[in-house]
Structures are given as C-alpha cells and as structure tokens.
Amino acid sequence: MIKEIEKYFIKQYMKQDVRVLPGHWPDFKSKQEVDEWIQLINRVMKAMK
C-alpha cells in the first residue's frame, strides 16, 4: 500500500465503529478504494444487526 493511501486509510478507519484485523485489510491503490471498502464494511455490519 502506498504510504499516502495508508495514512488516509488509517485516518478514515479510526473514525469507524467497525474493526478488521490488520492482516485482513485489502491492498488499497486509491483513496476511492478506501472509501468504497469502508462503506461496504459499514453496510455489512448494519445488515448483521
């Protein structure tokens, strides 16, 4: 993961209530991929409630 994207991911990830083990994070190529993954994880967690 590119350092700039990794920093962006960590910043966005820490704002979430959902946690995923670090070894299970995708190898993001863009900020858009980060945003889409976070939205997906949040939708999955909401559906499981």
PDB file of N, CA and C in Angstrom:
ATOM      1  N   MET A   1       0.857  -1.176   0.000  1.00  0.00           N
ATOM      2  CA  MET A   1       0.000   0.000   0.000  1.00  0.00           C
ATOM      3  C   MET A   1       0.903   1.239   0.000  1.00  0.00           C
ATOM      4  N   ILE A   2       0.584   2.201  -0.823  1.00  0.00           N
ATOM      5  CA  ILE A   2       1.332   3.458  -0.892  1.00  0.00           C
ATOM      6  C   ILE A   2       1.165   4.200   0.443  1.00  0.00           C
ATOM      7  N   LYS A   3       2.250   4.793   0.947  1.00  0.00           N
ATOM      8  CA  LYS A   3       2.226   5.465   2.256  1.00  0.00           C
ATOM      9  C   LYS A   3       1.110   6.502   2.377  1.00  0.00           C
ATOM     10  N   GLU A   4       0.919   7.314   1.353  1.00  0.00           N
ATOM     11  CA  GLU A   4      -0.134   8.339   1.387  1.00  0.00           C
ATOM     12  C   GLU A   4      -1.510   7.686   1.543  1.00  0.00           C
ATOM     13  N   ILE A   5      -1.736   6.608   0.807  1.00  0.00           N
ATOM     14  CA  ILE A   5      -3.019   5.897   0.875  1.00  0.00           C
ATOM     15  C   ILE A   5      -3.156   5.216   2.231  1.00  0.00           C
ATOM     16  N   GLU A   6      -2.070   4.658   2.737  1.00  0.00           N
ATOM     17  CA  GLU A   6      -2.098   4.000   4.049  1.00  0.00           C
ATOM     18  C   GLU A   6      -2.458   4.999   5.147  1.00  0.00           C
ATOM     19  N   LYS A   7      -1.863   6.175   5.122  1.00  0.00           N
ATOM     20  CA  LYS A   7      -2.184   7.210   6.116  1.00  0.00           C
ATOM     21  C   LYS A   7      -3.652   7.609   6.019  1.00  0.00           C
ATOM     22  N   TYR A   8      -4.142   7.773   4.798  1.00  0.00           N
ATOM     23  CA  TYR A   8      -5.550   8.119   4.587  1.00  0.00           C
ATOM     24  C   TYR A   8      -6.449   7.008   5.133  1.00  0.00           C
ATOM     25  N   PHE A   9      -6.096   5.763   4.830  1.00  0.00           N
ATOM     26  CA  PHE A   9      -6.885   4.630   5.309  1.00  0.00           C
ATOM     27  C   PHE A   9      -6.945   4.613   6.834  1.00  0.00           C
ATOM     28  N   ILE A  10      -5.805   4.726   7.492  1.00  0.00           N
ATOM     29  CA  ILE A  10      -5.767   4.682   8.957  1.00  0.00           C
ATOM     30  C   ILE A  10      -6.627   5.799   9.543  1.00  0.00           C
ATOM     31  N   LYS A  11      -6.519   6.990   8.981  1.00  0.00           N
ATOM     32  CA  LYS A  11      -7.313   8.129   9.468  1.00  0.00           C
ATOM     33  C   LYS A  11      -8.808   7.837   9.338  1.00  0.00           C
ATOM     34  N   GLN A  12      -9.240   7.340   8.179  1.00  0.00           N
ATOM     35  CA  GLN A  12     -10.654   7.041   7.954  1.00  0.00           C
ATOM     36  C   GLN A  12     -11.107   5.842   8.795  1.00  0.00           C
ATOM     37  N   TYR A  13     -10.263   4.840   8.883  1.00  0.00           N
ATOM     38  CA  TYR A  13     -10.569   3.614   9.627  1.00  0.00           C
ATOM     39  C   TYR A  13     -10.807   3.912  11.110  1.00  0.00           C
ATOM     40  N   MET A  14      -9.994   4.781  11.683  1.00  0.00           N
ATOM     41  CA  MET A  14     -10.112   5.090  13.105  1.00  0.00           C
ATOM     42  C   MET A  14     -11.406   5.832  13.435  1.00  0.00           C
ATOM     43  N   LYS A  15     -12.064   6.399  12.458  1.00  0.00           N
ATOM     44  CA  LYS A  15     -13.347   7.085  12.661  1.00  0.00           C
ATOM     45  C   LYS A  15     -14.513   6.100  12.718  1.00  0.00           C
ATOM     46  N   GLN A  16     -14.273   4.840  12.353  1.00  0.00           N
ATOM     47  CA  GLN A  16     -15.339   3.851  12.239  1.00  0.00           C
ATOM     48  C   GLN A  16     -15.537   3.091  13.551  1.00  0.00           C
ATOM     49  N   ASP A  17     -16.725   2.516  13.717  1.00  0.00           N
ATOM     50  CA  ASP A  17     -17.009   1.661  14.868  1.00  0.00           C
ATOM     51  C   ASP A  17     -16.625   0.214  14.593  1.00  0.00           C
ATOM     52  N   VAL A  18     -16.323  -0.094  13.356  1.00  0.00           N
ATOM     53  CA  VAL A  18     -16.008  -1.455  12.920  1.00  0.00           C
ATOM     54  C   VAL A  18     -14.497  -1.653  12.944  1.00  0.00           C
ATOM     55  N   ARG A  19     -14.057  -2.852  13.370  1.00  0.00           N
ATOM     56  CA  ARG A  19     -12.639  -3.177  13.362  1.00  0.00           C
ATOM     57  C   ARG A  19     -12.414  -4.456  12.573  1.00  0.00           C
ATOM     58  N   VAL A  20     -11.357  -4.459  11.781  1.00  0.00           N
ATOM     59  CA  VAL A  20     -10.945  -5.618  10.993  1.00  0.00           C
ATOM     60  C   VAL A  20      -9.465  -5.833  11.301  1.00  0.00           C
ATOM     61  N   LEU A  21      -9.072  -7.069  11.539  1.00  0.00           N
ATOM     62  CA  LEU A  21      -7.674  -7.352  11.852  1.00  0.00           C
ATOM     63  C   LEU A  21      -6.763  -6.857  10.732  1.00  0.00           C
ATOM     64  N   PRO A  22      -5.629  -6.238  11.075  1.00  0.00           N
ATOM     65  CA  PRO A  22      -4.743  -5.660  10.069  1.00  0.00           C
ATOM     66  C   PRO A  22      -4.340  -6.603   8.936  1.00  0.00           C
ATOM     67  N   GLY A  23      -4.143  -7.846   9.165  1.00  0.00           N
ATOM     68  CA  GLY A  23      -3.767  -8.768   8.097  1.00  0.00           C
ATOM     69  C   GLY A  23      -4.874  -9.016   7.083  1.00  0.00           C
ATOM     70  N   HIS A  24      -6.077  -8.532   7.374  1.00  0.00           N
ATOM     71  CA  HIS A  24      -7.232  -8.761   6.508  1.00  0.00           C
ATOM     72  C   HIS A  24      -7.649  -7.508   5.731  1.00  0.00           C
ATOM     73  N   TRP A  25      -6.836  -6.472   5.793  1.00  0.00           N
ATOM     74  CA  TRP A  25      -7.117  -5.253   5.038  1.00  0.00           C
ATOM     75  C   TRP A  25      -6.702  -5.450   3.588  1.00  0.00           C
ATOM     76  N   PRO A  26      -7.488  -4.949   2.652  1.00  0.00           N
ATOM     77  CA  PRO A  26      -7.085  -5.009   1.235  1.00  0.00           C
ATOM     78  C   PRO A  26      -5.836  -4.153   0.981  1.00  0.00           C
ATOM     79  N   ASP A  27      -5.189  -4.385  -0.128  1.00  0.00           N
ATOM     80  CA  ASP A  27      -4.052  -3.572  -0.558  1.00  0.00           C
ATOM     81  C   ASP A  27      -4.607  -2.439  -1.419  1.00  0.00           C
ATOM     82  N   PHE A  28      -4.970  -1.347  -0.770  1.00  0.00           N
ATOM     83  CA  PHE A  28      -5.631  -0.242  -1.451  1.00  0.00           C
ATOM     84  C   PHE A  28      -4.696   0.460  -2.423  1.00  0.00           C
ATOM     85  N   LYS A  29      -5.243   0.822  -3.575  1.00  0.00           N
ATOM     86  CA  LYS A  29      -4.479   1.522  -4.606  1.00  0.00           C
ATOM     87  C   LYS A  29      -4.878   2.996  -4.717  1.00  0.00           C
ATOM     88  N   SER A  30      -6.032   3.358  -4.105  1.00  0.00           N
ATOM     89  CA  SER A  30      -6.503   4.744  -4.194  1.00  0.00           C
ATOM     90  C   SER A  30      -7.372   5.081  -2.984  1.00  0.00           C
ATOM     91  N   LYS A  31      -7.576   6.365  -2.784  1.00  0.00           N
ATOM     92  CA  LYS A  31      -8.459   6.814  -1.709  1.00  0.00           C
ATOM     93  C   LYS A  31      -9.889   6.373  -1.985  1.00  0.00           C
ATOM     94  N   GLN A  32     -10.263   6.320  -3.249  1.00  0.00           N
ATOM     95  CA  GLN A  32     -11.605   5.862  -3.616  1.00  0.00           C
ATOM     96  C   GLN A  32     -11.813   4.412  -3.174  1.00  0.00           C
ATOM     97  N   GLU A  33     -10.812   3.563  -3.353  1.00  0.00           N
ATOM     98  CA  GLU A  33     -10.919   2.169  -2.905  1.00  0.00           C
ATOM     99  C   GLU A  33     -11.092   2.106  -1.393  1.00  0.00           C
ATOM    100  N   VAL A  34     -10.384   2.955  -0.669  1.00  0.00           N
ATOM    101  CA  VAL A  34     -10.519   3.015   0.790  1.00  0.00           C
ATOM    102  C   VAL A  34     -11.958   3.364   1.151  1.00  0.00           C
ATOM    103  N   ASP A  35     -12.484   4.420   0.550  1.00  0.00           N
ATOM    104  CA  ASP A  35     -13.846   4.873   0.847  1.00  0.00           C
ATOM    105  C   ASP A  35     -14.878   3.796   0.520  1.00  0.00           C
ATOM    106  N   GLU A  36     -14.718   3.138  -0.611  1.00  0.00           N
ATOM    107  CA  GLU A  36     -15.666   2.093  -1.016  1.00  0.00           C
ATOM    108  C   GLU A  36     -15.613   0.913  -0.056  1.00  0.00           C
ATOM    109  N   TRP A  37     -14.423   0.518   0.385  1.00  0.00           N
ATOM    110  CA  TRP A  37     -14.275  -0.611   1.307  1.00  0.00           C
ATOM    111  C   TRP A  37     -14.907  -0.284   2.657  1.00  0.00           C
ATOM    112  N   ILE A  38     -14.668   0.926   3.151  1.00  0.00           N
ATOM    113  CA  ILE A  38     -15.251   1.333   4.433  1.00  0.00           C
ATOM    114  C   ILE A  38     -16.774   1.359   4.334  1.00  0.00           C
ATOM    115  N   GLN A  39     -17.315   1.861   3.237  1.00  0.00           N
ATOM    116  CA  GLN A  39     -18.768   1.859   3.045  1.00  0.00           C
ATOM    117  C   GLN A  39     -19.307   0.432   3.027  1.00  0.00           C
ATOM    118  N   LEU A  40     -18.617  -0.458   2.346  1.00  0.00           N
ATOM    119  CA  LEU A  40     -19.034  -1.856   2.275  1.00  0.00           C
ATOM    120  C   LEU A  40     -19.033  -2.502   3.659  1.00  0.00           C
ATOM    121  N   ILE A  41     -17.972  -2.324   4.405  1.00  0.00           N
ATOM    122  CA  ILE A  41     -17.876  -2.902   5.748  1.00  0.00           C
ATOM    123  C   ILE A  41     -19.000  -2.366   6.635  1.00  0.00           C
ATOM    124  N   ASN A  42     -19.280  -1.082   6.540  1.00  0.00           N
ATOM    125  CA  ASN A  42     -20.359  -0.499   7.342  1.00  0.00           C
ATOM    126  C   ASN A  42     -21.723  -1.054   6.935  1.00  0.00           C
ATOM    127  N   ARG A  43     -21.946  -1.260   5.633  1.00  0.00           N
ATOM    128  CA  ARG A  43     -23.221  -1.842   5.175  1.00  0.00           C
ATOM    129  C   ARG A  43     -23.374  -3.278   5.677  1.00  0.00           C
ATOM    130  N   VAL A  44     -22.304  -4.034   5.634  1.00  0.00           N
ATOM    131  CA  VAL A  44     -22.344  -5.424   6.111  1.00  0.00           C
ATOM    132  C   VAL A  44     -22.667  -5.453   7.603  1.00  0.00           C
ATOM    133  N   MET A  45     -22.003  -4.628   8.371  1.00  0.00           N
ATOM    134  CA  MET A  45     -22.251  -4.608   9.817  1.00  0.00           C
ATOM    135  C   MET A  45     -23.679  -4.158  10.128  1.00  0.00           C
ATOM    136  N   LYS A  46     -24.184  -3.185   9.392  1.00  0.00           N
ATOM    137  CA  LYS A  46     -25.557  -2.714   9.598  1.00  0.00           C
ATOM    138  C   LYS A  46     -26.553  -3.831   9.281  1.00  0.00           C
ATOM    139  N   ALA A  47     -26.290  -4.593   8.230  1.00  0.00           N
ATOM    140  CA  ALA A  47     -27.181  -5.690   7.834  1.00  0.00           C
ATOM    141  C   ALA A  47     -27.176  -6.819   8.859  1.00  0.00           C
ATOM    142  N   MET A  48     -26.088  -6.962   9.597  1.00  0.00           N
ATOM    143  CA  MET A  48     -25.975  -8.047  10.575  1.00  0.00           C
ATOM    144  C   MET A  48     -26.667  -7.717  11.891  1.00  0.00           C
ATOM    145  N   LYS A  49     -27.058  -6.466  12.093  1.00  0.00           N
ATOM    146  CA  LYS A  49     -27.708  -6.075  13.357  1.00  0.00           C
ATOM    147  C   LYS A  49     -29.145  -6.493  13.386  1.00  0.00           C
TER     148      LYS A  49
END
